[in-house]
Amino acid sequence: MSESGFGPGDIVRLRSGGPAMTVARLDGARGDVKACCIWFEARGRPHFYYLELCTIEPAAADAEPDPKGR
């Protein structure tokens, strides 16, 4: 786990809402770290995106990424 409180394997969501995502890794230099988050669409196609840490928050304890994106 990093200074941000997030680490690989953590389940997060965008602060504005959206699907549960898994943090795959944290990349970047100190002060400019981004989380590489992975999630699946409804057809099961994986997506990933690097997100600013200020845009994500821990997902609810019962939120698990749905491998089929539902």
PDB file of N, CA and C in Angstrom:
ATOM      1  N   MET A   1       0.856  -1.181   0.000  1.00  0.00           N
ATOM      2  CA  MET A   1       0.000   0.000   0.000  1.00  0.00           C
ATOM      3  C   MET A   1       0.898   1.239   0.000  1.00  0.00           C
ATOM      4  N   SER A   2       0.450   2.258  -0.664  1.00  0.00           N
ATOM      5  CA  SER A   2       1.244   3.474  -0.811  1.00  0.00           C
ATOM      6  C   SER A   2       0.773   4.552   0.156  1.00  0.00           C
ATOM      7  N   GLU A   3       1.423   5.708   0.066  1.00  0.00           N
ATOM      8  CA  GLU A   3       1.011   6.865   0.865  1.00  0.00           C
ATOM      9  C   GLU A   3      -0.434   7.253   0.574  1.00  0.00           C
ATOM     10  N   SER A   4      -0.914   6.928  -0.616  1.00  0.00           N
ATOM     11  CA  SER A   4      -2.277   7.282  -1.022  1.00  0.00           C
ATOM     12  C   SER A   4      -3.321   6.456  -0.300  1.00  0.00           C
ATOM     13  N   GLY A   5      -2.913   5.333   0.259  1.00  0.00           N
ATOM     14  CA  GLY A   5      -3.858   4.428   0.883  1.00  0.00           C
ATOM     15  C   GLY A   5      -4.367   3.376  -0.073  1.00  0.00           C
ATOM     16  N   PHE A   6      -3.988   3.446  -1.346  1.00  0.00           N
ATOM     17  CA  PHE A   6      -4.399   2.460  -2.343  1.00  0.00           C
ATOM     18  C   PHE A   6      -3.224   1.568  -2.692  1.00  0.00           C
ATOM     19  N   GLY A   7      -3.529   0.339  -3.030  1.00  0.00           N
ATOM     20  CA  GLY A   7      -2.489  -0.584  -3.454  1.00  0.00           C
ATOM     21  C   GLY A   7      -3.058  -1.598  -4.423  1.00  0.00           C
ATOM     22  N   PRO A   8      -2.191  -2.353  -5.088  1.00  0.00           N
ATOM     23  CA  PRO A   8      -2.656  -3.367  -6.027  1.00  0.00           C
ATOM     24  C   PRO A   8      -3.644  -4.322  -5.358  1.00  0.00           C
ATOM     25  N   GLY A   9      -4.717  -4.606  -6.087  1.00  0.00           N
ATOM     26  CA  GLY A   9      -5.742  -5.505  -5.577  1.00  0.00           C
ATOM     27  C   GLY A   9      -6.902  -4.810  -4.890  1.00  0.00           C
ATOM     28  N   ASP A  10      -6.750  -3.524  -4.575  1.00  0.00           N
ATOM     29  CA  ASP A  10      -7.843  -2.784  -3.933  1.00  0.00           C
ATOM     30  C   ASP A  10      -8.996  -2.581  -4.916  1.00  0.00           C
ATOM     31  N   ILE A  11     -10.208  -2.626  -4.389  1.00  0.00           N
ATOM     32  CA  ILE A  11     -11.408  -2.388  -5.195  1.00  0.00           C
ATOM     33  C   ILE A  11     -11.821  -0.935  -4.983  1.00  0.00           C
ATOM     34  N   VAL A  12     -11.929  -0.179  -6.072  1.00  0.00           N
ATOM     35  CA  VAL A  12     -12.233   1.252  -6.000  1.00  0.00           C
ATOM     36  C   VAL A  12     -13.355   1.602  -6.975  1.00  0.00           C
ATOM     37  N   ARG A  13     -13.859   2.805  -6.837  1.00  0.00           N
ATOM     38  CA  ARG A  13     -14.819   3.398  -7.781  1.00  0.00           C
ATOM     39  C   ARG A  13     -14.394   4.837  -8.018  1.00  0.00           C
ATOM     40  N   LEU A  14     -14.854   5.384  -9.129  1.00  0.00           N
ATOM     41  CA  LEU A  14     -14.688   6.819  -9.336  1.00  0.00           C
ATOM     42  C   LEU A  14     -15.536   7.549  -8.303  1.00  0.00           C
ATOM     43  N   ARG A  15     -15.062   8.665  -7.821  1.00  0.00           N
ATOM     44  CA  ARG A  15     -15.847   9.461  -6.866  1.00  0.00           C
ATOM     45  C   ARG A  15     -17.177   9.885  -7.478  1.00  0.00           C
ATOM     46  N   SER A  16     -17.244  10.004  -8.786  1.00  0.00           N
ATOM     47  CA  SER A  16     -18.474  10.405  -9.468  1.00  0.00           C
ATOM     48  C   SER A  16     -19.388   9.222  -9.779  1.00  0.00           C
ATOM     49  N   GLY A  17     -18.974   8.009  -9.421  1.00  0.00           N
ATOM     50  CA  GLY A  17     -19.777   6.813  -9.669  1.00  0.00           C
ATOM     51  C   GLY A  17     -19.163   5.943 -10.741  1.00  0.00           C
ATOM     52  N   GLY A  18     -19.831   4.864 -11.060  1.00  0.00           N
ATOM     53  CA  GLY A  18     -19.340   3.959 -12.091  1.00  0.00           C
ATOM     54  C   GLY A  18     -19.094   2.577 -11.544  1.00  0.00           C
ATOM     55  N   PRO A  19     -18.522   1.708 -12.382  1.00  0.00           N
ATOM     56  CA  PRO A  19     -18.322   0.318 -11.979  1.00  0.00           C
ATOM     57  C   PRO A  19     -17.199   0.177 -10.953  1.00  0.00           C
ATOM     58  N   ALA A  20     -17.250  -0.920 -10.228  1.00  0.00           N
ATOM     59  CA  ALA A  20     -16.132  -1.255  -9.348  1.00  0.00           C
ATOM     60  C   ALA A  20     -14.937  -1.602 -10.230  1.00  0.00           C
ATOM     61  N   MET A  21     -13.748  -1.176  -9.805  1.00  0.00           N
ATOM     62  CA  MET A  21     -12.522  -1.410 -10.567  1.00  0.00           C
ATOM     63  C   MET A  21     -11.469  -1.958  -9.617  1.00  0.00           C
ATOM     64  N   THR A  22     -10.530  -2.695 -10.164  1.00  0.00           N
ATOM     65  CA  THR A  22      -9.417  -3.223  -9.387  1.00  0.00           C
ATOM     66  C   THR A  22      -8.175  -2.407  -9.699  1.00  0.00           C
ATOM     67  N   VAL A  23      -7.472  -1.971  -8.662  1.00  0.00           N
ATOM     68  CA  VAL A  23      -6.194  -1.286  -8.844  1.00  0.00           C
ATOM     69  C   VAL A  23      -5.165  -2.344  -9.214  1.00  0.00           C
ATOM     70  N   ALA A  24      -4.586  -2.225 -10.401  1.00  0.00           N
ATOM     71  CA  ALA A  24      -3.573  -3.180 -10.859  1.00  0.00           C
ATOM     72  C   ALA A  24      -2.186  -2.776 -10.363  1.00  0.00           C
ATOM     73  N   ARG A  25      -1.906  -1.487 -10.419  1.00  0.00           N
ATOM     74  CA  ARG A  25      -0.602  -0.983  -9.955  1.00  0.00           C
ATOM     75  C   ARG A  25      -0.672   0.525  -9.832  1.00  0.00           C
ATOM     76  N   LEU A  26       0.304   1.064  -9.145  1.00  0.00           N
ATOM     77  CA  LEU A  26       0.469   2.507  -9.035  1.00  0.00           C
ATOM     78  C   LEU A  26       1.727   2.876  -9.792  1.00  0.00           C
ATOM     79  N   ASP A  27       1.632   3.875 -10.649  1.00  0.00           N
ATOM     80  CA  ASP A  27       2.767   4.295 -11.470  1.00  0.00           C
ATOM     81  C   ASP A  27       2.995   5.788 -11.317  1.00  0.00           C
ATOM     82  N   GLY A  28       4.244   6.175 -11.453  1.00  0.00           N
ATOM     83  CA  GLY A  28       4.573   7.595 -11.474  1.00  0.00           C
ATOM     84  C   GLY A  28       5.551   7.974 -10.393  1.00  0.00           C
ATOM     85  N   ALA A  29       5.998   9.189 -10.491  1.00  0.00           N
ATOM     86  CA  ALA A  29       6.937   9.733  -9.515  1.00  0.00           C
ATOM     87  C   ALA A  29       6.173  10.282  -8.318  1.00  0.00           C
ATOM     88  N   ARG A  30       6.869  10.410  -7.223  1.00  0.00           N
ATOM     89  CA  ARG A  30       6.248  10.936  -6.004  1.00  0.00           C
ATOM     90  C   ARG A  30       5.569  12.267  -6.316  1.00  0.00           C
ATOM     91  N   GLY A  31       4.329  12.403  -5.880  1.00  0.00           N
ATOM     92  CA  GLY A  31       3.582  13.624  -6.139  1.00  0.00           C
ATOM     93  C   GLY A  31       2.793  13.584  -7.437  1.00  0.00           C
ATOM     94  N   ASP A  32       3.085  12.616  -8.300  1.00  0.00           N
ATOM     95  CA  ASP A  32       2.355  12.490  -9.561  1.00  0.00           C
ATOM     96  C   ASP A  32       2.036  11.018  -9.823  1.00  0.00           C
ATOM     97  N   VAL A  33       1.546  10.338  -8.793  1.00  0.00           N
ATOM     98  CA  VAL A  33       1.238   8.914  -8.898  1.00  0.00           C
ATOM     99  C   VAL A  33      -0.179   8.733  -9.439  1.00  0.00           C
ATOM    100  N   LYS A  34      -0.333   7.766 -10.323  1.00  0.00           N
ATOM    101  CA  LYS A  34      -1.650   7.428 -10.872  1.00  0.00           C
ATOM    102  C   LYS A  34      -1.907   5.951 -10.645  1.00  0.00           C
ATOM    103  N   ALA A  35      -3.178   5.608 -10.529  1.00  0.00           N
ATOM    104  CA  ALA A  35      -3.569   4.213 -10.359  1.00  0.00           C
ATOM    105  C   ALA A  35      -3.988   3.644 -11.707  1.00  0.00           C
ATOM    106  N   CYS A  36      -3.435   2.512 -12.061  1.00  0.00           N
ATOM    107  CA  CYS A  36      -3.890   1.785 -13.246  1.00  0.00           C
ATOM    108  C   CYS A  36      -5.044   0.911 -12.774  1.00  0.00           C
ATOM    109  N   CYS A  37      -6.254   1.227 -13.222  1.00  0.00           N
ATOM    110  CA  CYS A  37      -7.455   0.509 -12.790  1.00  0.00           C
ATOM    111  C   CYS A  37      -8.004  -0.323 -13.941  1.00  0.00           C
ATOM    112  N   ILE A  38      -8.493  -1.521 -13.593  1.00  0.00           N
ATOM    113  CA  ILE A  38      -9.040  -2.453 -14.575  1.00  0.00           C
ATOM    114  C   ILE A  38     -10.487  -2.750 -14.220  1.00  0.00           C
ATOM    115  N   TRP A  39     -11.353  -2.795 -15.248  1.00  0.00           N
ATOM    116  CA  TRP A  39     -12.744  -3.193 -15.061  1.00  0.00           C
ATOM    117  C   TRP A  39     -13.217  -3.876 -16.333  1.00  0.00           C
ATOM    118  N   PHE A  40     -14.392  -4.481 -16.266  1.00  0.00           N
ATOM    119  CA  PHE A  40     -14.932  -5.221 -17.398  1.00  0.00           C
ATOM    120  C   PHE A  40     -16.259  -4.616 -17.838  1.00  0.00           C
ATOM    121  N   GLU A  41     -16.478  -4.563 -19.144  1.00  0.00           N
ATOM    122  CA  GLU A  41     -17.765  -4.102 -19.675  1.00  0.00           C
ATOM    123  C   GLU A  41     -18.748  -5.267 -19.655  1.00  0.00           C
ATOM    124  N   ALA A  42     -19.987  -5.005 -20.021  1.00  0.00           N
ATOM    125  CA  ALA A  42     -21.054  -6.003 -19.946  1.00  0.00           C
ATOM    126  C   ALA A  42     -20.741  -7.273 -20.741  1.00  0.00           C
ATOM    127  N   ARG A  43     -20.052  -7.150 -21.840  1.00  0.00           N
ATOM    128  CA  ARG A  43     -19.719  -8.326 -22.659  1.00  0.00           C
ATOM    129  C   ARG A  43     -18.471  -9.049 -22.170  1.00  0.00           C
ATOM    130  N   GLY A  44     -17.885  -8.569 -21.083  1.00  0.00           N
ATOM    131  CA  GLY A  44     -16.702  -9.207 -20.527  1.00  0.00           C
ATOM    132  C   GLY A  44     -15.387  -8.676 -21.058  1.00  0.00           C
ATOM    133  N   ARG A  45     -15.451  -7.652 -21.900  1.00  0.00           N
ATOM    134  CA  ARG A  45     -14.228  -7.064 -22.455  1.00  0.00           C
ATOM    135  C   ARG A  45     -13.524  -6.239 -21.383  1.00  0.00           C
ATOM    136  N   PRO A  46     -12.240  -6.502 -21.143  1.00  0.00           N
ATOM    137  CA  PRO A  46     -11.530  -5.739 -20.112  1.00  0.00           C
ATOM    138  C   PRO A  46     -11.144  -4.347 -20.606  1.00  0.00           C
ATOM    139  N   HIS A  47     -11.110  -3.425 -19.675  1.00  0.00           N
ATOM    140  CA  HIS A  47     -10.657  -2.056 -19.936  1.00  0.00           C
ATOM    141  C   HIS A  47      -9.674  -1.673 -18.837  1.00  0.00           C
ATOM    142  N   PHE A  48      -8.754  -0.779 -19.163  1.00  0.00           N
ATOM    143  CA  PHE A  48      -7.898  -0.220 -18.124  1.00  0.00           C
ATOM    144  C   PHE A  48      -7.647   1.244 -18.432  1.00  0.00           C
ATOM    145  N   TYR A  49      -7.379   1.979 -17.369  1.00  0.00           N
ATOM    146  CA  TYR A  49      -7.134   3.410 -17.522  1.00  0.00           C
ATOM    147  C   TYR A  49      -6.321   3.880 -16.332  1.00  0.00           C
ATOM    148  N   TYR A  50      -5.427   4.817 -16.564  1.00  0.00           N
ATOM    149  CA  TYR A  50      -4.664   5.428 -15.476  1.00  0.00           C
ATOM    150  C   TYR A  50      -5.461   6.602 -14.928  1.00  0.00           C
ATOM    151  N   LEU A  51      -5.753   6.570 -13.650  1.00  0.00           N
ATOM    152  CA  LEU A  51      -6.584   7.586 -13.010  1.00  0.00           C
ATOM    153  C   LEU A  51      -5.811   8.336 -11.935  1.00  0.00           C
ATOM    154  N   GLU A  52      -6.069   9.632 -11.862  1.00  0.00           N
ATOM    155  CA  GLU A  52      -5.519  10.433 -10.776  1.00  0.00           C
ATOM    156  C   GLU A  52      -6.080   9.904  -9.457  1.00  0.00           C
ATOM    157  N   LEU A  53      -5.253   9.843  -8.434  1.00  0.00           N
ATOM    158  CA  LEU A  53      -5.699   9.292  -7.154  1.00  0.00           C
ATOM    159  C   LEU A  53      -6.841  10.088  -6.539  1.00  0.00           C
ATOM    160  N   CYS A  54      -6.903  11.383  -6.827  1.00  0.00           N
ATOM    161  CA  CYS A  54      -7.963  12.210  -6.247  1.00  0.00           C
ATOM    162  C   CYS A  54      -9.329  11.908  -6.859  1.00  0.00           C
ATOM    163  N   THR A  55      -9.377  11.090  -7.930  1.00  0.00           N
ATOM    164  CA  THR A  55     -10.651  10.793  -8.583  1.00  0.00           C
ATOM    165  C   THR A  55     -11.261   9.464  -8.149  1.00  0.00           C
ATOM    166  N   ILE A  56     -10.529   8.687  -7.332  1.00  0.00           N
ATOM    167  CA  ILE A  56     -11.050   7.386  -6.913  1.00  0.00           C
ATOM    168  C   ILE A  56     -11.195   7.318  -5.403  1.00  0.00           C
ATOM    169  N   GLU A  57     -12.057   6.379  -4.976  1.00  0.00           N
ATOM    170  CA  GLU A  57     -12.272   6.137  -3.550  1.00  0.00           C
ATOM    171  C   GLU A  57     -12.505   4.644  -3.367  1.00  0.00           C
ATOM    172  N   PRO A  58     -12.304   4.146  -2.152  1.00  0.00           N
ATOM    173  CA  PRO A  58     -12.573   2.723  -1.929  1.00  0.00           C
ATOM    174  C   PRO A  58     -14.034   2.410  -2.236  1.00  0.00           C
ATOM    175  N   ALA A  59     -14.265   1.269  -2.858  1.00  0.00           N
ATOM    176  CA  ALA A  59     -15.639   0.829  -3.132  1.00  0.00           C
ATOM    177  C   ALA A  59     -16.223   0.267  -1.841  1.00  0.00           C
ATOM    178  N   ALA A  60     -17.536   0.189  -1.779  1.00  0.00           N
ATOM    179  CA  ALA A  60     -18.206  -0.393  -0.619  1.00  0.00           C
ATOM    180  C   ALA A  60     -17.656  -1.793  -0.376  1.00  0.00           C
ATOM    181  N   ALA A  61     -17.663  -2.212   0.863  1.00  0.00           N
ATOM    182  CA  ALA A  61     -17.092  -3.502   1.244  1.00  0.00           C
ATOM    183  C   ALA A  61     -17.693  -4.661   0.471  1.00  0.00           C
ATOM    184  N   ASP A  62     -18.960  -4.546   0.091  1.00  0.00           N
ATOM    185  CA  ASP A  62     -19.605  -5.644  -0.622  1.00  0.00           C
ATOM    186  C   ASP A  62     -19.487  -5.526  -2.144  1.00  0.00           C
ATOM    187  N   ALA A  63     -18.803  -4.497  -2.628  1.00  0.00           N
ATOM    188  CA  ALA A  63     -18.656  -4.305  -4.073  1.00  0.00           C
ATOM    189  C   ALA A  63     -17.484  -5.139  -4.579  1.00  0.00           C
ATOM    190  N   GLU A  64     -17.769  -6.011  -5.472  1.00  0.00           N
ATOM    191  CA  GLU A  64     -16.737  -6.821  -6.116  1.00  0.00           C
ATOM    192  C   GLU A  64     -16.820  -6.558  -7.607  1.00  0.00           C
ATOM    193  N   PRO A  65     -15.676  -6.487  -8.273  1.00  0.00           N
ATOM    194  CA  PRO A  65     -15.745  -6.318  -9.721  1.00  0.00           C
ATOM    195  C   PRO A  65     -16.474  -7.512 -10.320  1.00  0.00           C
ATOM    196  N   ASP A  66     -17.406  -7.253 -11.183  1.00  0.00           N
ATOM    197  CA  ASP A  66     -18.166  -8.304 -11.847  1.00  0.00           C
ATOM    198  C   ASP A  66     -17.447  -8.664 -13.118  1.00  0.00           C
ATOM    199  N   PRO A  67     -16.985  -9.923 -13.252  1.00  0.00           N
ATOM    200  CA  PRO A  67     -16.250 -10.281 -14.456  1.00  0.00           C
ATOM    201  C   PRO A  67     -17.063 -10.120 -15.742  1.00  0.00           C
ATOM    202  N   LYS A  68     -18.367 -10.013 -15.634  1.00  0.00           N
ATOM    203  CA  LYS A  68     -19.202  -9.804 -16.818  1.00  0.00           C
ATOM    204  C   LYS A  68     -19.685  -8.374 -16.921  1.00  0.00           C
ATOM    205  N   GLY A  69     -19.217  -7.484 -16.037  1.00  0.00           N
ATOM    206  CA  GLY A  69     -19.531  -6.068 -16.125  1.00  0.00           C
ATOM    207  C   GLY A  69     -20.933  -5.678 -15.714  1.00  0.00           C
ATOM    208  N   ARG A  70     -21.614  -6.532 -14.969  1.00  0.00           N
ATOM    209  CA  ARG A  70     -22.994  -6.210 -14.558  1.00  0.00           C
ATOM    210  C   ARG A  70     -23.038  -5.582 -13.202  1.00  0.00           C
TER     211      ARG A  70
END
